[in-house]
C-alpha atoms as a PDB file:
ATOM      1  CA  UNK A   1      34.285 -36.179 -81.233  1.00  0.00           C
ATOM      2  CA  UNK A   2      30.872 -35.710 -81.325  1.00  0.00           C
ATOM      3  CA  UNK A   3      30.535 -34.043 -78.341  1.00  0.00           C
ATOM      4  CA  UNK A   4      26.531 -35.518 -76.885  1.00  0.00           C
ATOM      5  CA  UNK A   5      24.423 -32.700 -75.974  1.00  0.00           C
ATOM      6  CA  UNK A   6      25.284 -30.940 -79.859  1.00  0.00           C
ATOM      7  CA  UNK A   7      24.262 -33.973 -81.191  1.00  0.00           C
ATOM      8  CA  UNK A   8      21.144 -34.088 -79.272  1.00  0.00           C
ATOM      9  CA  UNK A   9      20.297 -31.010 -80.219  1.00  0.00           C
ATOM     10  CA  UNK A  10      20.980 -30.821 -83.363  1.00  0.00           C
ATOM     11  CA  UNK A  11      18.807 -34.368 -83.614  1.00  0.00           C
ATOM     12  CA  UNK A  12      16.370 -32.307 -82.083  1.00  0.00           C
ATOM     13  CA  UNK A  13      15.824 -30.222 -84.112  1.00  0.00           C
ATOM     14  CA  UNK A  14      14.877 -33.570 -87.159  1.00  0.00           C
ATOM     15  CA  UNK A  15      11.490 -34.398 -85.168  1.00  0.00           C
ATOM     16  CA  UNK A  16       8.212 -32.473 -84.472  1.00  0.00           C
ATOM     17  CA  UNK A  17       7.581 -30.787 -81.267  1.00  0.00           C
ATOM     18  CA  UNK A  18       6.159 -33.722 -79.278  1.00  0.00           C
ATOM     19  CA  UNK A  19       8.933 -36.298 -80.140  1.00  0.00           C
ATOM     20  CA  UNK A  20      11.216 -33.323 -79.369  1.00  0.00           C
ATOM     21  CA  UNK A  21       9.391 -33.629 -75.768  1.00  0.00           C
ATOM     22  CA  UNK A  22       9.531 -37.418 -75.632  1.00  0.00           C
ATOM     23  CA  UNK A  23      12.643 -37.875 -77.459  1.00  0.00           C
ATOM     24  CA  UNK A  24      14.236 -35.414 -75.037  1.00  0.00           C
ATOM     25  CA  UNK A  25      13.210 -37.040 -71.553  1.00  0.00           C
ATOM     26  CA  UNK A  26      14.796 -40.370 -73.202  1.00  0.00           C
ATOM     27  CA  UNK A  27      18.448 -38.808 -73.817  1.00  0.00           C
ATOM     28  CA  UNK A  28      18.381 -37.145 -70.756  1.00  0.00           C
ATOM     29  CA  UNK A  29      17.431 -40.727 -68.651  1.00  0.00           C
ATOM     30  CA  UNK A  30      20.354 -42.130 -71.957  1.00  0.00           C
ATOM     31  CA  UNK A  31      23.050 -40.258 -70.394  1.00  0.00           C
ATOM     32  CA  UNK A  32      21.988 -40.270 -66.879  1.00  0.00           C
ATOM     33  CA  UNK A  33      22.278 -43.581 -66.891  1.00  0.00           C
ATOM     34  CA  UNK A  34      25.807 -43.864 -68.813  1.00  0.00           C
ATOM     35  CA  UNK A  35      26.998 -41.462 -66.344  1.00  0.00           C
ATOM     36  CA  UNK A  36      26.338 -43.517 -63.573  1.00  0.00           C
ATOM     37  CA  UNK A  37      28.352 -46.654 -65.308  1.00  0.00           C
ATOM     38  CA  UNK A  38      30.896 -44.336 -66.776  1.00  0.00           C
ATOM     39  CA  UNK A  39      29.970 -44.710 -70.211  1.00  0.00           C
ATOM     40  CA  UNK A  40      30.351 -42.338 -72.935  1.00  0.00           C
ATOM     41  CA  UNK A  41      26.540 -41.568 -74.218  1.00  0.00           C
ATOM     42  CA  UNK A  42      27.968 -41.585 -77.485  1.00  0.00           C
ATOM     43  CA  UNK A  43      28.774 -45.230 -77.364  1.00  0.00           C
ATOM     44  CA  UNK A  44      25.141 -46.712 -79.044  1.00  0.00           C
ATOM     45  CA  UNK A  45      26.467 -50.274 -79.068  1.00  0.00           C
ATOM     46  CA  UNK A  46      23.955 -52.554 -78.927  1.00  0.00           C
ATOM     47  CA  UNK A  47      24.669 -54.176 -75.262  1.00  0.00           C
ATOM     48  CA  UNK A  48      24.627 -50.866 -73.612  1.00  0.00           C
ATOM     49  CA  UNK A  49      20.788 -50.180 -76.075  1.00  0.00           C
ATOM     50  CA  UNK A  50      19.771 -53.449 -75.021  1.00  0.00           C
ATOM     51  CA  UNK A  51      21.393 -53.107 -70.929  1.00  0.00           C
ATOM     52  CA  UNK A  52      19.733 -49.303 -71.115  1.00  0.00           C
ATOM     53  CA  UNK A  53      16.133 -50.395 -71.918  1.00  0.00           C
ATOM     54  CA  UNK A  54      15.843 -53.240 -69.829  1.00  0.00           C
ATOM     55  CA  UNK A  55      17.106 -51.472 -66.809  1.00  0.00           C
ATOM     56  CA  UNK A  56      13.290 -50.187 -65.836  1.00  0.00           C
ATOM     57  CA  UNK A  57      10.246 -52.037 -65.417  1.00  0.00           C
ATOM     58  CA  UNK A  58       9.134 -50.034 -68.620  1.00  0.00           C
ATOM     59  CA  UNK A  59       6.532 -51.294 -70.429  1.00  0.00           C
ATOM     60  CA  UNK A  60       6.656 -52.735 -74.031  1.00  0.00           C
ATOM     61  CA  UNK A  61       6.019 -49.330 -75.886  1.00  0.00           C
ATOM     62  CA  UNK A  62       8.316 -47.556 -73.378  1.00  0.00           C
ATOM     63  CA  UNK A  63      10.917 -49.747 -74.355  1.00  0.00           C
ATOM     64  CA  UNK A  64      10.341 -49.424 -78.073  1.00  0.00           C
ATOM     65  CA  UNK A  65       9.811 -45.521 -77.861  1.00  0.00           C
ATOM     66  CA  UNK A  66      12.778 -45.114 -76.136  1.00  0.00           C
ATOM     67  CA  UNK A  67      15.159 -47.335 -78.549  1.00  0.00           C
ATOM     68  CA  UNK A  68      13.335 -45.370 -81.226  1.00  0.00           C
ATOM     69  CA  UNK A  69      14.602 -42.122 -79.871  1.00  0.00           C
ATOM     70  CA  UNK A  70      18.184 -43.946 -79.278  1.00  0.00           C
ATOM     71  CA  UNK A  71      18.216 -45.405 -82.779  1.00  0.00           C
ATOM     72  CA  UNK A  72      17.132 -41.749 -84.419  1.00  0.00           C
ATOM     73  CA  UNK A  73      20.380 -40.002 -82.204  1.00  0.00           C
ATOM     74  CA  UNK A  74      22.917 -42.978 -83.399  1.00  0.00           C
ATOM     75  CA  UNK A  75      21.438 -42.655 -87.054  1.00  0.00           C
ATOM     76  CA  UNK A  76      22.403 -38.445 -87.076  1.00  0.00           C
ATOM     77  CA  UNK A  77      25.993 -39.069 -84.933  1.00  0.00           C
ATOM     78  CA  UNK A  78      26.174 -41.870 -88.359  1.00  0.00           C
ATOM     79  CA  UNK A  79      25.491 -39.045 -90.474  1.00  0.00           C
ATOM     80  CA  UNK A  80      28.130 -37.391 -92.749  1.00  0.00           C
ATOM     81  CA  UNK A  81      27.424 -33.611 -91.520  1.00  0.00           C
ATOM     82  CA  UNK A  82      30.859 -32.444 -94.279  1.00  0.00           C
ATOM     83  CA  UNK A  83      28.809 -33.726 -97.656  1.00  0.00           C
ATOM     84  CA  UNK A  84      26.172 -31.159 -98.464  1.00  0.00           C
ATOM     85  CA  UNK A  85      24.473 -33.866 -99.884  1.00  0.00           C
END
């Protein structure tokens, strides 16, 4: 079982400092949104992500930025961290 906070920490280490600050904001908002709904933040189901993105009156650019951050998190979670290659 992946710990969400460890996943966030590891993912943020893969991006630049300026991106990490922006991604961190998205990850905090995602976690809060999930917690309020009783959803595990590791559940990157399309319906969860779509509902999260549409839950605020964000601009299209902001929604795309948030989606990119969540995709990075989900992509890192999907990696096989036991394979050194």
